[in-house]
């Protein structure tokens, strides 16, 4: 049984029109389904505005879903309310993208962590303080720093505090929403390695959201690629980076820089911009920008088809054999 099971999840927002035009809905997440095993890291990749952060926030009930269900340990968390939801939040937490904005500037590190522990645990004051010390050491900070305020830390240190806060109640699932995108490259590597070590120690599962495929490949066992609110390809990391079968994934991979001068890659330049989710194209959402689009793509929406004999590799493309050849050096 998977730890997390997402079934046909959609999130939309009403958009007020003019006096004479009908109300419309912006569909940020469109009928998404996937599973995540306990102790696994699943990467979620896509351009800015594709809906990946909204998906993560919807899963942990920070955004309201419009359709579908989310199961954690076979419990439907989309139906929980009030005290039941507050109790369930111990099982799932979030690491936010902005280490500067996700911490209260008026609270010390101790105050921020103690607040979580006082709400979600039965520890007394002494027990909470010991737990704060353990959490800071787990993320590579010193207990001597616990009474400092956020402005006294660097960006990487603040993100470590955010990680400690997410770990405070021993969750089974953490949604990491672009946790390294606001950090320097050298600090990004430190945070990624820290998350890997934490997973080894605690067994927590990560849904790791990012726009950089190179970063996601390093930490994730499986990768999902999102475009305009839909999952367009998913599979084992090595299969995705070495044998992607969707034109959008191929384009993302072609943009990843390489340090090996012997490795030659043909850059795939996509025309135009991502369509507005208020006015999505008919058929395949990617067809207006796809180099191999055909008439069928304009009229029909492809499902996630298994790629050949790969049970864990799926591509939402009618012509994934042709897409797999894109960008190859002959």
C-alpha atoms as a PDB file:
ATOM      1  CA  UNK A   1       0.000   0.000   0.000  1.00  0.00           C
ATOM      2  CA  UNK A   2       1.478   3.398  -0.964  1.00  0.00           C
ATOM      3  CA  UNK A   3       1.993   6.088   1.668  1.00  0.00           C
ATOM      4  CA  UNK A   4       0.388   8.759  -0.546  1.00  0.00           C
ATOM      5  CA  UNK A   5      -2.221   8.167  -3.229  1.00  0.00           C
ATOM      6  CA  UNK A   6      -3.544  11.060  -5.300  1.00  0.00           C
ATOM      7  CA  UNK A   7      -6.638  10.332  -7.402  1.00  0.00           C
ATOM      8  CA  UNK A   8      -7.868  12.654 -10.159  1.00  0.00           C
ATOM      9  CA  UNK A   9      -6.966  15.751  -8.166  1.00  0.00           C
ATOM     10  CA  UNK A  10      -7.923  19.138  -9.609  1.00  0.00           C
ATOM     11  CA  UNK A  11      -7.611  22.666  -8.248  1.00  0.00           C
ATOM     12  CA  UNK A  12      -9.315  25.621  -9.890  1.00  0.00           C
ATOM     13  CA  UNK A  13      -9.940  29.250  -9.039  1.00  0.00           C
ATOM     14  CA  UNK A  14     -12.940  31.345 -10.107  1.00  0.00           C
ATOM     15  CA  UNK A  15     -12.030  34.392 -12.170  1.00  0.00           C
ATOM     16  CA  UNK A  16     -14.484  37.237 -12.178  1.00  0.00           C
ATOM     17  CA  UNK A  17     -15.437  38.385 -15.651  1.00  0.00           C
ATOM     18  CA  UNK A  18     -17.011  41.612 -16.768  1.00  0.00           C
ATOM     19  CA  UNK A  19     -20.666  42.439 -16.244  1.00  0.00           C
ATOM     20  CA  UNK A  20     -21.677  40.777 -19.515  1.00  0.00           C
ATOM     21  CA  UNK A  21     -19.213  37.861 -19.662  1.00  0.00           C
ATOM     22  CA  UNK A  22     -19.703  34.563 -17.833  1.00  0.00           C
ATOM     23  CA  UNK A  23     -17.553  33.601 -14.864  1.00  0.00           C
ATOM     24  CA  UNK A  24     -14.525  31.505 -15.769  1.00  0.00           C
ATOM     25  CA  UNK A  25     -12.265  29.144 -13.857  1.00  0.00           C
ATOM     26  CA  UNK A  26      -8.481  28.983 -13.927  1.00  0.00           C
ATOM     27  CA  UNK A  27      -7.563  25.297 -13.697  1.00  0.00           C
ATOM     28  CA  UNK A  28      -4.168  25.164 -11.997  1.00  0.00           C
ATOM     29  CA  UNK A  29      -4.133  21.393 -11.390  1.00  0.00           C
ATOM     30  CA  UNK A  30      -5.979  19.245 -13.898  1.00  0.00           C
ATOM     31  CA  UNK A  31      -6.943  15.651 -13.041  1.00  0.00           C
ATOM     32  CA  UNK A  32      -3.613  14.528 -11.553  1.00  0.00           C
ATOM     33  CA  UNK A  33      -3.081  10.999 -10.218  1.00  0.00           C
ATOM     34  CA  UNK A  34       0.044   9.380  -8.768  1.00  0.00           C
ATOM     35  CA  UNK A  35       1.375   7.350  -5.838  1.00  0.00           C
ATOM     36  CA  UNK A  36       4.312   7.822  -3.467  1.00  0.00           C
ATOM     37  CA  UNK A  37       5.833   5.030  -1.396  1.00  0.00           C
ATOM     38  CA  UNK A  38       6.970   5.403   2.216  1.00  0.00           C
ATOM     39  CA  UNK A  39      10.581   6.605   2.413  1.00  0.00           C
ATOM     40  CA  UNK A  40      10.676   7.501  -1.305  1.00  0.00           C
ATOM     41  CA  UNK A  41      11.538  10.806  -2.961  1.00  0.00           C
ATOM     42  CA  UNK A  42       9.382  11.723  -5.939  1.00  0.00           C
ATOM     43  CA  UNK A  43      10.503  14.708  -7.994  1.00  0.00           C
ATOM     44  CA  UNK A  44       8.025  17.085  -9.639  1.00  0.00           C
ATOM     45  CA  UNK A  45       9.397  19.285 -12.426  1.00  0.00           C
ATOM     46  CA  UNK A  46       7.982  21.966 -14.684  1.00  0.00           C
ATOM     47  CA  UNK A  47       8.188  25.583 -15.786  1.00  0.00           C
ATOM     48  CA  UNK A  48       7.027  28.424 -13.576  1.00  0.00           C
ATOM     49  CA  UNK A  49       3.233  28.614 -13.612  1.00  0.00           C
ATOM     50  CA  UNK A  50       2.670  24.962 -14.570  1.00  0.00           C
ATOM     51  CA  UNK A  51       0.823  24.220 -11.317  1.00  0.00           C
ATOM     52  CA  UNK A  52       3.422  22.178  -9.451  1.00  0.00           C
ATOM     53  CA  UNK A  53       3.439  24.331  -6.297  1.00  0.00           C
ATOM     54  CA  UNK A  54      -0.367  24.445  -6.310  1.00  0.00           C
ATOM     55  CA  UNK A  55      -0.405  20.641  -6.503  1.00  0.00           C
ATOM     56  CA  UNK A  56       1.889  20.390  -3.491  1.00  0.00           C
ATOM     57  CA  UNK A  57      -0.122  22.909  -1.485  1.00  0.00           C
ATOM     58  CA  UNK A  58      -3.386  21.187  -2.402  1.00  0.00           C
ATOM     59  CA  UNK A  59      -2.083  17.813  -1.226  1.00  0.00           C
ATOM     60  CA  UNK A  60      -1.307  19.176   2.256  1.00  0.00           C
ATOM     61  CA  UNK A  61      -4.568  21.144   2.419  1.00  0.00           C
ATOM     62  CA  UNK A  62      -3.128  24.658   2.095  1.00  0.00           C
ATOM     63  CA  UNK A  63      -5.229  25.064  -1.067  1.00  0.00           C
ATOM     64  CA  UNK A  64      -8.780  23.846  -1.565  1.00  0.00           C
ATOM     65  CA  UNK A  65      -9.225  21.117  -4.151  1.00  0.00           C
ATOM     66  CA  UNK A  66     -12.098  21.261  -6.636  1.00  0.00           C
ATOM     67  CA  UNK A  67     -12.191  17.550  -7.488  1.00  0.00           C
ATOM     68  CA  UNK A  68     -10.472  14.274  -6.652  1.00  0.00           C
ATOM     69  CA  UNK A  69      -9.094  12.760  -3.459  1.00  0.00           C
ATOM     70  CA  UNK A  70      -5.823  12.479  -1.553  1.00  0.00           C
ATOM     71  CA  UNK A  71      -5.152   9.421   0.616  1.00  0.00           C
ATOM     72  CA  UNK A  72      -2.387   9.250   3.227  1.00  0.00           C
ATOM     73  CA  UNK A  73      -1.988   5.765   4.659  1.00  0.00           C
ATOM     74  CA  UNK A  74      -5.352   4.936   3.084  1.00  0.00           C
ATOM     75  CA  UNK A  75      -7.074   7.821   4.927  1.00  0.00           C
ATOM     76  CA  UNK A  76      -8.882  10.397   2.804  1.00  0.00           C
ATOM     77  CA  UNK A  77      -7.339  13.650   4.046  1.00  0.00           C
ATOM     78  CA  UNK A  78      -9.370  15.781   1.624  1.00  0.00           C
ATOM     79  CA  UNK A  79     -12.464  15.114   3.741  1.00  0.00           C
ATOM     80  CA  UNK A  80     -10.917  16.077   7.090  1.00  0.00           C
ATOM     81  CA  UNK A  81     -12.000  19.239   8.867  1.00  0.00           C
ATOM     82  CA  UNK A  82     -11.341  21.117  12.109  1.00  0.00           C
ATOM     83  CA  UNK A  83      -9.712  19.085  14.852  1.00  0.00           C
ATOM     84  CA  UNK A  84      -9.364  15.989  12.666  1.00  0.00           C
ATOM     85  CA  UNK A  85      -7.370  17.945  10.077  1.00  0.00           C
ATOM     86  CA  UNK A  86      -5.234  19.601  12.755  1.00  0.00           C
ATOM     87  CA  UNK A  87      -4.423  16.191  14.228  1.00  0.00           C
ATOM     88  CA  UNK A  88      -3.600  14.745  10.804  1.00  0.00           C
ATOM     89  CA  UNK A  89      -1.159  17.580  10.033  1.00  0.00           C
ATOM     90  CA  UNK A  90       1.408  15.811  12.185  1.00  0.00           C
ATOM     91  CA  UNK A  91       1.724  13.296   9.352  1.00  0.00           C
ATOM     92  CA  UNK A  92       2.423  15.794   6.558  1.00  0.00           C
ATOM     93  CA  UNK A  93       4.436  18.997   6.520  1.00  0.00           C
ATOM     94  CA  UNK A  94       5.922  21.452   4.016  1.00  0.00           C
ATOM     95  CA  UNK A  95       9.278  23.106   3.366  1.00  0.00           C
ATOM     96  CA  UNK A  96       8.605  26.428   1.685  1.00  0.00           C
ATOM     97  CA  UNK A  97      10.511  27.984  -1.202  1.00  0.00           C
ATOM     98  CA  UNK A  98      11.391  31.302   0.412  1.00  0.00           C
ATOM     99  CA  UNK A  99      13.591  30.924   3.507  1.00  0.00           C
ATOM    100  CA  UNK A 100      13.278  34.672   4.068  1.00  0.00           C
ATOM    101  CA  UNK A 101       9.487  34.879   4.038  1.00  0.00           C
ATOM    102  CA  UNK A 102       8.576  31.563   5.659  1.00  0.00           C
ATOM    103  CA  UNK A 103       9.909  32.498   9.113  1.00  0.00           C
ATOM    104  CA  UNK A 104       8.374  35.058  11.458  1.00  0.00           C
ATOM    105  CA  UNK A 105      11.040  37.787  11.799  1.00  0.00           C
ATOM    106  CA  UNK A 106       9.871  38.578  15.346  1.00  0.00           C
ATOM    107  CA  UNK A 107      10.277  35.030  16.635  1.00  0.00           C
ATOM    108  CA  UNK A 108      13.517  33.381  17.638  1.00  0.00           C
ATOM    109  CA  UNK A 109      14.409  29.989  16.206  1.00  0.00           C
ATOM    110  CA  UNK A 110      13.446  28.442  19.526  1.00  0.00           C
ATOM    111  CA  UNK A 111      10.084  30.224  19.463  1.00  0.00           C
ATOM    112  CA  UNK A 112       9.308  29.056  15.927  1.00  0.00           C
ATOM    113  CA  UNK A 113      10.082  25.406  16.713  1.00  0.00           C
ATOM    114  CA  UNK A 114       8.549  25.452  20.187  1.00  0.00           C
ATOM    115  CA  UNK A 115       5.300  26.772  18.718  1.00  0.00           C
ATOM    116  CA  UNK A 116       4.987  23.712  16.466  1.00  0.00           C
ATOM    117  CA  UNK A 117       5.834  21.324  19.291  1.00  0.00           C
ATOM    118  CA  UNK A 118       3.396  22.923  21.732  1.00  0.00           C
ATOM    119  CA  UNK A 119       0.514  22.597  19.242  1.00  0.00           C
ATOM    120  CA  UNK A 120       1.199  19.099  17.943  1.00  0.00           C
ATOM    121  CA  UNK A 121       2.856  17.253  20.858  1.00  0.00           C
ATOM    122  CA  UNK A 122       2.264  16.657  24.556  1.00  0.00           C
ATOM    123  CA  UNK A 123       5.875  17.456  25.552  1.00  0.00           C
ATOM    124  CA  UNK A 124       6.430  19.708  28.535  1.00  0.00           C
ATOM    125  CA  UNK A 125       8.667  22.784  28.335  1.00  0.00           C
ATOM    126  CA  UNK A 126      11.832  20.828  29.119  1.00  0.00           C
ATOM    127  CA  UNK A 127      10.999  18.123  26.610  1.00  0.00           C
ATOM    128  CA  UNK A 128      10.273  20.696  23.923  1.00  0.00           C
ATOM    129  CA  UNK A 129      13.608  22.437  24.535  1.00  0.00           C
ATOM    130  CA  UNK A 130      15.482  19.132  24.243  1.00  0.00           C
ATOM    131  CA  UNK A 131      13.616  18.387  21.035  1.00  0.00           C
ATOM    132  CA  UNK A 132      14.583  21.810  19.618  1.00  0.00           C
ATOM    133  CA  UNK A 133      18.247  21.075  20.388  1.00  0.00           C
ATOM    134  CA  UNK A 134      17.981  17.692  18.622  1.00  0.00           C
ATOM    135  CA  UNK A 135      16.312  19.246  15.568  1.00  0.00           C
ATOM    136  CA  UNK A 136      18.940  21.963  15.201  1.00  0.00           C
ATOM    137  CA  UNK A 137      21.731  19.404  15.407  1.00  0.00           C
ATOM    138  CA  UNK A 138      19.946  17.234  12.851  1.00  0.00           C
ATOM    139  CA  UNK A 139      19.995  20.062  10.295  1.00  0.00           C
ATOM    140  CA  UNK A 140      23.572  21.123  11.013  1.00  0.00           C
ATOM    141  CA  UNK A 141      22.971  24.084  13.333  1.00  0.00           C
ATOM    142  CA  UNK A 142      24.155  24.677  16.881  1.00  0.00           C
ATOM    143  CA  UNK A 143      21.976  24.814  19.986  1.00  0.00           C
ATOM    144  CA  UNK A 144      23.759  28.065  20.792  1.00  0.00           C
ATOM    145  CA  UNK A 145      21.890  29.648  17.864  1.00  0.00           C
ATOM    146  CA  UNK A 146      18.388  28.823  19.074  1.00  0.00           C
ATOM    147  CA  UNK A 147      17.652  32.233  20.585  1.00  0.00           C
ATOM    148  CA  UNK A 148      18.665  34.199  17.496  1.00  0.00           C
ATOM    149  CA  UNK A 149      16.204  35.807  15.097  1.00  0.00           C
ATOM    150  CA  UNK A 150      15.937  34.918  11.381  1.00  0.00           C
ATOM    151  CA  UNK A 151      17.750  38.068  10.199  1.00  0.00           C
ATOM    152  CA  UNK A 152      20.885  36.815  11.975  1.00  0.00           C
ATOM    153  CA  UNK A 153      21.134  33.787   9.663  1.00  0.00           C
ATOM    154  CA  UNK A 154      22.172  33.307   6.041  1.00  0.00           C
ATOM    155  CA  UNK A 155      19.711  32.041   3.424  1.00  0.00           C
ATOM    156  CA  UNK A 156      20.999  28.481   3.670  1.00  0.00           C
ATOM    157  CA  UNK A 157      20.774  28.546   7.461  1.00  0.00           C
ATOM    158  CA  UNK A 158      17.212  29.839   7.314  1.00  0.00           C
ATOM    159  CA  UNK A 159      16.262  27.009   5.023  1.00  0.00           C
ATOM    160  CA  UNK A 160      17.807  24.577   7.514  1.00  0.00           C
ATOM    161  CA  UNK A 161      15.538  26.111  10.169  1.00  0.00           C
ATOM    162  CA  UNK A 162      12.571  25.604   7.838  1.00  0.00           C
ATOM    163  CA  UNK A 163      13.573  21.951   7.429  1.00  0.00           C
ATOM    164  CA  UNK A 164      13.861  21.566  11.213  1.00  0.00           C
ATOM    165  CA  UNK A 165      10.385  23.026  11.620  1.00  0.00           C
ATOM    166  CA  UNK A 166       8.955  20.552   9.097  1.00  0.00           C
ATOM    167  CA  UNK A 167      10.661  17.658  10.912  1.00  0.00           C
ATOM    168  CA  UNK A 168       9.563  18.750  14.384  1.00  0.00           C
ATOM    169  CA  UNK A 169       6.549  16.422  14.612  1.00  0.00           C
ATOM    170  CA  UNK A 170       8.128  13.407  12.847  1.00  0.00           C
ATOM    171  CA  UNK A 171       5.973  13.575   9.689  1.00  0.00           C
ATOM    172  CA  UNK A 172       5.680  10.704   7.254  1.00  0.00           C
ATOM    173  CA  UNK A 173       5.481  13.024   4.226  1.00  0.00           C
ATOM    174  CA  UNK A 174       7.172  16.348   3.499  1.00  0.00           C
ATOM    175  CA  UNK A 175       6.323  18.443   0.448  1.00  0.00           C
ATOM    176  CA  UNK A 176       9.482  20.388  -0.410  1.00  0.00           C
ATOM    177  CA  UNK A 177       8.390  23.305  -2.597  1.00  0.00           C
ATOM    178  CA  UNK A 178      11.487  24.432  -4.517  1.00  0.00           C
ATOM    179  CA  UNK A 179      13.539  24.453  -1.289  1.00  0.00           C
ATOM    180  CA  UNK A 180      16.841  25.350  -2.998  1.00  0.00           C
ATOM    181  CA  UNK A 181      15.780  27.699  -5.813  1.00  0.00           C
ATOM    182  CA  UNK A 182      16.475  30.861  -3.755  1.00  0.00           C
ATOM    183  CA  UNK A 183      19.939  29.681  -2.673  1.00  0.00           C
ATOM    184  CA  UNK A 184      23.431  29.858  -4.166  1.00  0.00           C
ATOM    185  CA  UNK A 185      24.561  26.796  -6.119  1.00  0.00           C
ATOM    186  CA  UNK A 186      27.095  25.704  -3.474  1.00  0.00           C
ATOM    187  CA  UNK A 187      24.448  26.001  -0.748  1.00  0.00           C
ATOM    188  CA  UNK A 188      21.931  24.105  -2.899  1.00  0.00           C
ATOM    189  CA  UNK A 189      24.200  21.051  -2.875  1.00  0.00           C
ATOM    190  CA  UNK A 190      24.502  21.226   0.916  1.00  0.00           C
ATOM    191  CA  UNK A 191      20.720  21.347   1.379  1.00  0.00           C
ATOM    192  CA  UNK A 192      20.129  18.495  -1.090  1.00  0.00           C
ATOM    193  CA  UNK A 193      22.688  16.315   0.696  1.00  0.00           C
ATOM    194  CA  UNK A 194      21.120  17.237   4.040  1.00  0.00           C
ATOM    195  CA  UNK A 195      17.677  16.092   2.837  1.00  0.00           C
ATOM    196  CA  UNK A 196      19.152  12.805   1.633  1.00  0.00           C
ATOM    197  CA  UNK A 197      20.785  12.211   5.021  1.00  0.00           C
ATOM    198  CA  UNK A 198      17.594  13.109   6.890  1.00  0.00           C
ATOM    199  CA  UNK A 199      15.625  10.631   4.797  1.00  0.00           C
ATOM    200  CA  UNK A 200      18.126   7.880   5.630  1.00  0.00           C
ATOM    201  CA  UNK A 201      17.771   8.635   9.359  1.00  0.00           C
ATOM    202  CA  UNK A 202      14.020   9.168   9.591  1.00  0.00           C
ATOM    203  CA  UNK A 203      12.477   7.334   6.629  1.00  0.00           C
ATOM    204  CA  UNK A 204      10.392  10.379   5.698  1.00  0.00           C
ATOM    205  CA  UNK A 205       9.014  10.547   2.138  1.00  0.00           C
ATOM    206  CA  UNK A 206       9.543  13.668   0.024  1.00  0.00           C
ATOM    207  CA  UNK A 207       7.555  15.184  -2.798  1.00  0.00           C
ATOM    208  CA  UNK A 208      10.382  17.357  -4.119  1.00  0.00           C
ATOM    209  CA  UNK A 209       9.215  20.211  -6.337  1.00  0.00           C
ATOM    210  CA  UNK A 210      11.684  22.068  -8.579  1.00  0.00           C
ATOM    211  CA  UNK A 211      12.143  23.508 -12.041  1.00  0.00           C
ATOM    212  CA  UNK A 212      15.714  22.183 -12.429  1.00  0.00           C
ATOM    213  CA  UNK A 213      15.859  18.620 -13.727  1.00  0.00           C
ATOM    214  CA  UNK A 214      19.522  18.263 -12.744  1.00  0.00           C
ATOM    215  CA  UNK A 215      18.696  18.971  -9.096  1.00  0.00           C
ATOM    216  CA  UNK A 216      15.675  16.668  -9.086  1.00  0.00           C
ATOM    217  CA  UNK A 217      17.596  13.810 -10.702  1.00  0.00           C
ATOM    218  CA  UNK A 218      20.162  13.890  -7.897  1.00  0.00           C
ATOM    219  CA  UNK A 219      17.655  13.401  -5.076  1.00  0.00           C
ATOM    220  CA  UNK A 220      14.660  11.595  -6.615  1.00  0.00           C
ATOM    221  CA  UNK A 221      14.012   7.918  -7.319  1.00  0.00           C
ATOM    222  CA  UNK A 222      11.183   8.834  -9.673  1.00  0.00           C
ATOM    223  CA  UNK A 223      10.368  12.025 -11.565  1.00  0.00           C
ATOM    224  CA  UNK A 224       7.084  13.501 -12.811  1.00  0.00           C
ATOM    225  CA  UNK A 225       7.032  16.282 -15.404  1.00  0.00           C
ATOM    226  CA  UNK A 226       4.141  18.751 -15.299  1.00  0.00           C
ATOM    227  CA  UNK A 227       2.851  21.050 -18.020  1.00  0.00           C
ATOM    228  CA  UNK A 228      -0.189  23.325 -17.832  1.00  0.00           C
ATOM    229  CA  UNK A 229      -1.616  21.533 -14.810  1.00  0.00           C
ATOM    230  CA  UNK A 230      -1.196  17.976 -16.134  1.00  0.00           C
ATOM    231  CA  UNK A 231       1.429  15.274 -15.670  1.00  0.00           C
ATOM    232  CA  UNK A 232       2.902  14.656 -19.133  1.00  0.00           C
ATOM    233  CA  UNK A 233       5.598  12.101 -18.263  1.00  0.00           C
ATOM    234  CA  UNK A 234       6.671  10.077 -15.249  1.00  0.00           C
ATOM    235  CA  UNK A 235       9.204   7.365 -14.573  1.00  0.00           C
ATOM    236  CA  UNK A 236      12.371   6.206 -12.804  1.00  0.00           C
ATOM    237  CA  UNK A 237      14.945   9.022 -12.746  1.00  0.00           C
ATOM    238  CA  UNK A 238      17.539   7.186 -14.831  1.00  0.00           C
ATOM    239  CA  UNK A 239      14.950   6.264 -17.468  1.00  0.00           C
ATOM    240  CA  UNK A 240      13.635   9.822 -17.624  1.00  0.00           C
ATOM    241  CA  UNK A 241      17.002  11.512 -18.018  1.00  0.00           C
ATOM    242  CA  UNK A 242      18.399   8.858 -20.325  1.00  0.00           C
ATOM    243  CA  UNK A 243      15.319   8.010 -22.359  1.00  0.00           C
ATOM    244  CA  UNK A 244      12.620  10.668 -22.067  1.00  0.00           C
ATOM    245  CA  UNK A 245       9.667  10.049 -24.388  1.00  0.00           C
ATOM    246  CA  UNK A 246       7.712  13.323 -24.257  1.00  0.00           C
ATOM    247  CA  UNK A 247       8.725  16.360 -26.361  1.00  0.00           C
ATOM    248  CA  UNK A 248       8.409  18.698 -23.371  1.00  0.00           C
ATOM    249  CA  UNK A 249      10.689  16.550 -21.194  1.00  0.00           C
ATOM    250  CA  UNK A 250      13.176  16.345 -24.060  1.00  0.00           C
ATOM    251  CA  UNK A 251      13.216  20.139 -24.282  1.00  0.00           C
ATOM    252  CA  UNK A 252      13.784  20.487 -20.527  1.00  0.00           C
ATOM    253  CA  UNK A 253      16.644  17.989 -20.651  1.00  0.00           C
ATOM    254  CA  UNK A 254      18.264  19.750 -23.589  1.00  0.00           C
ATOM    255  CA  UNK A 255      18.480  22.919 -21.486  1.00  0.00           C
ATOM    256  CA  UNK A 256      20.434  21.223 -18.657  1.00  0.00           C
ATOM    257  CA  UNK A 257      24.108  22.303 -18.934  1.00  0.00           C
ATOM    258  CA  UNK A 258      26.846  19.670 -19.007  1.00  0.00           C
ATOM    259  CA  UNK A 259      30.441  19.919 -17.806  1.00  0.00           C
ATOM    260  CA  UNK A 260      31.658  17.109 -20.074  1.00  0.00           C
ATOM    261  CA  UNK A 261      33.122  18.633 -23.279  1.00  0.00           C
ATOM    262  CA  UNK A 262      32.722  15.262 -25.031  1.00  0.00           C
ATOM    263  CA  UNK A 263      28.975  15.288 -24.483  1.00  0.00           C
ATOM    264  CA  UNK A 264      27.154  16.959 -27.357  1.00  0.00           C
ATOM    265  CA  UNK A 265      23.533  17.968 -27.007  1.00  0.00           C
ATOM    266  CA  UNK A 266      21.206  19.504 -29.519  1.00  0.00           C
ATOM    267  CA  UNK A 267      19.235  22.274 -27.812  1.00  0.00           C
ATOM    268  CA  UNK A 268      15.477  22.026 -28.440  1.00  0.00           C
ATOM    269  CA  UNK A 269      13.997  25.509 -28.641  1.00  0.00           C
ATOM    270  CA  UNK A 270      10.260  25.615 -28.023  1.00  0.00           C
ATOM    271  CA  UNK A 271       8.298  28.317 -29.857  1.00  0.00           C
ATOM    272  CA  UNK A 272       5.908  30.656 -28.059  1.00  0.00           C
ATOM    273  CA  UNK A 273       4.979  30.740 -24.397  1.00  0.00           C
ATOM    274  CA  UNK A 274       3.024  28.477 -22.068  1.00  0.00           C
ATOM    275  CA  UNK A 275      -0.685  28.990 -22.879  1.00  0.00           C
ATOM    276  CA  UNK A 276      -2.896  30.638 -20.309  1.00  0.00           C
ATOM    277  CA  UNK A 277      -4.721  28.134 -18.062  1.00  0.00           C
ATOM    278  CA  UNK A 278      -7.739  30.425 -18.503  1.00  0.00           C
ATOM    279  CA  UNK A 279      -7.764  29.599 -22.189  1.00  0.00           C
ATOM    280  CA  UNK A 280      -6.028  26.223 -22.633  1.00  0.00           C
ATOM    281  CA  UNK A 281      -5.664  24.721 -26.112  1.00  0.00           C
ATOM    282  CA  UNK A 282      -7.865  21.872 -27.265  1.00  0.00           C
ATOM    283  CA  UNK A 283      -6.425  18.398 -27.455  1.00  0.00           C
ATOM    284  CA  UNK A 284      -2.919  17.892 -26.093  1.00  0.00           C
ATOM    285  CA  UNK A 285      -2.026  20.955 -23.986  1.00  0.00           C
ATOM    286  CA  UNK A 286       1.499  20.953 -25.429  1.00  0.00           C
ATOM    287  CA  UNK A 287       0.607  20.750 -29.132  1.00  0.00           C
ATOM    288  CA  UNK A 288       0.889  24.525 -29.942  1.00  0.00           C
ATOM    289  CA  UNK A 289       4.602  24.396 -29.001  1.00  0.00           C
ATOM    290  CA  UNK A 290       5.399  20.794 -29.934  1.00  0.00           C
ATOM    291  CA  UNK A 291       7.901  20.218 -32.805  1.00  0.00           C
ATOM    292  CA  UNK A 292       6.281  16.890 -33.738  1.00  0.00           C
ATOM    293  CA  UNK A 293       2.581  17.767 -33.270  1.00  0.00           C
ATOM    294  CA  UNK A 294       0.117  16.297 -35.755  1.00  0.00           C
ATOM    295  CA  UNK A 295      -3.572  16.823 -36.461  1.00  0.00           C
ATOM    296  CA  UNK A 296      -4.553  14.197 -33.902  1.00  0.00           C
ATOM    297  CA  UNK A 297      -2.797  16.190 -31.171  1.00  0.00           C
ATOM    298  CA  UNK A 298      -5.034  19.209 -31.801  1.00  0.00           C
ATOM    299  CA  UNK A 299      -8.242  17.266 -31.218  1.00  0.00           C
ATOM    300  CA  UNK A 300      -7.529  14.506 -28.688  1.00  0.00           C
ATOM    301  CA  UNK A 301      -6.082  14.576 -25.179  1.00  0.00           C
ATOM    302  CA  UNK A 302      -3.472  11.836 -24.697  1.00  0.00           C
ATOM    303  CA  UNK A 303      -3.540   9.799 -21.498  1.00  0.00           C
ATOM    304  CA  UNK A 304      -0.370   8.672 -19.703  1.00  0.00           C
ATOM    305  CA  UNK A 305       0.539   5.673 -21.860  1.00  0.00           C
ATOM    306  CA  UNK A 306       3.094   3.069 -20.696  1.00  0.00           C
ATOM    307  CA  UNK A 307       6.308   3.408 -22.689  1.00  0.00           C
ATOM    308  CA  UNK A 308       6.972   0.062 -24.398  1.00  0.00           C
ATOM    309  CA  UNK A 309       7.569  -2.588 -21.705  1.00  0.00           C
ATOM    310  CA  UNK A 310       8.414  -0.107 -18.948  1.00  0.00           C
ATOM    311  CA  UNK A 311       5.840  -0.589 -16.186  1.00  0.00           C
ATOM    312  CA  UNK A 312       6.983   2.547 -14.329  1.00  0.00           C
ATOM    313  CA  UNK A 313       7.515   4.850 -17.325  1.00  0.00           C
ATOM    314  CA  UNK A 314       4.513   6.731 -18.742  1.00  0.00           C
ATOM    315  CA  UNK A 315       4.232   9.444 -21.367  1.00  0.00           C
ATOM    316  CA  UNK A 316       1.207  11.542 -22.365  1.00  0.00           C
ATOM    317  CA  UNK A 317       2.167  11.613 -26.030  1.00  0.00           C
ATOM    318  CA  UNK A 318       0.609   9.807 -28.982  1.00  0.00           C
ATOM    319  CA  UNK A 319       4.001   9.666 -30.717  1.00  0.00           C
ATOM    320  CA  UNK A 320       6.448   8.961 -27.892  1.00  0.00           C
ATOM    321  CA  UNK A 321       8.641   6.756 -30.112  1.00  0.00           C
ATOM    322  CA  UNK A 322       9.199   9.746 -32.394  1.00  0.00           C
ATOM    323  CA  UNK A 323       9.656  12.062 -29.418  1.00  0.00           C
ATOM    324  CA  UNK A 324      12.340   9.801 -27.952  1.00  0.00           C
ATOM    325  CA  UNK A 325      14.507  10.460 -31.044  1.00  0.00           C
ATOM    326  CA  UNK A 326      14.374  14.251 -30.655  1.00  0.00           C
ATOM    327  CA  UNK A 327      17.712  15.958 -30.035  1.00  0.00           C
ATOM    328  CA  UNK A 328      19.855  12.906 -30.809  1.00  0.00           C
ATOM    329  CA  UNK A 329      23.188  13.477 -32.479  1.00  0.00           C
ATOM    330  CA  UNK A 330      23.397  11.386 -35.628  1.00  0.00           C
END
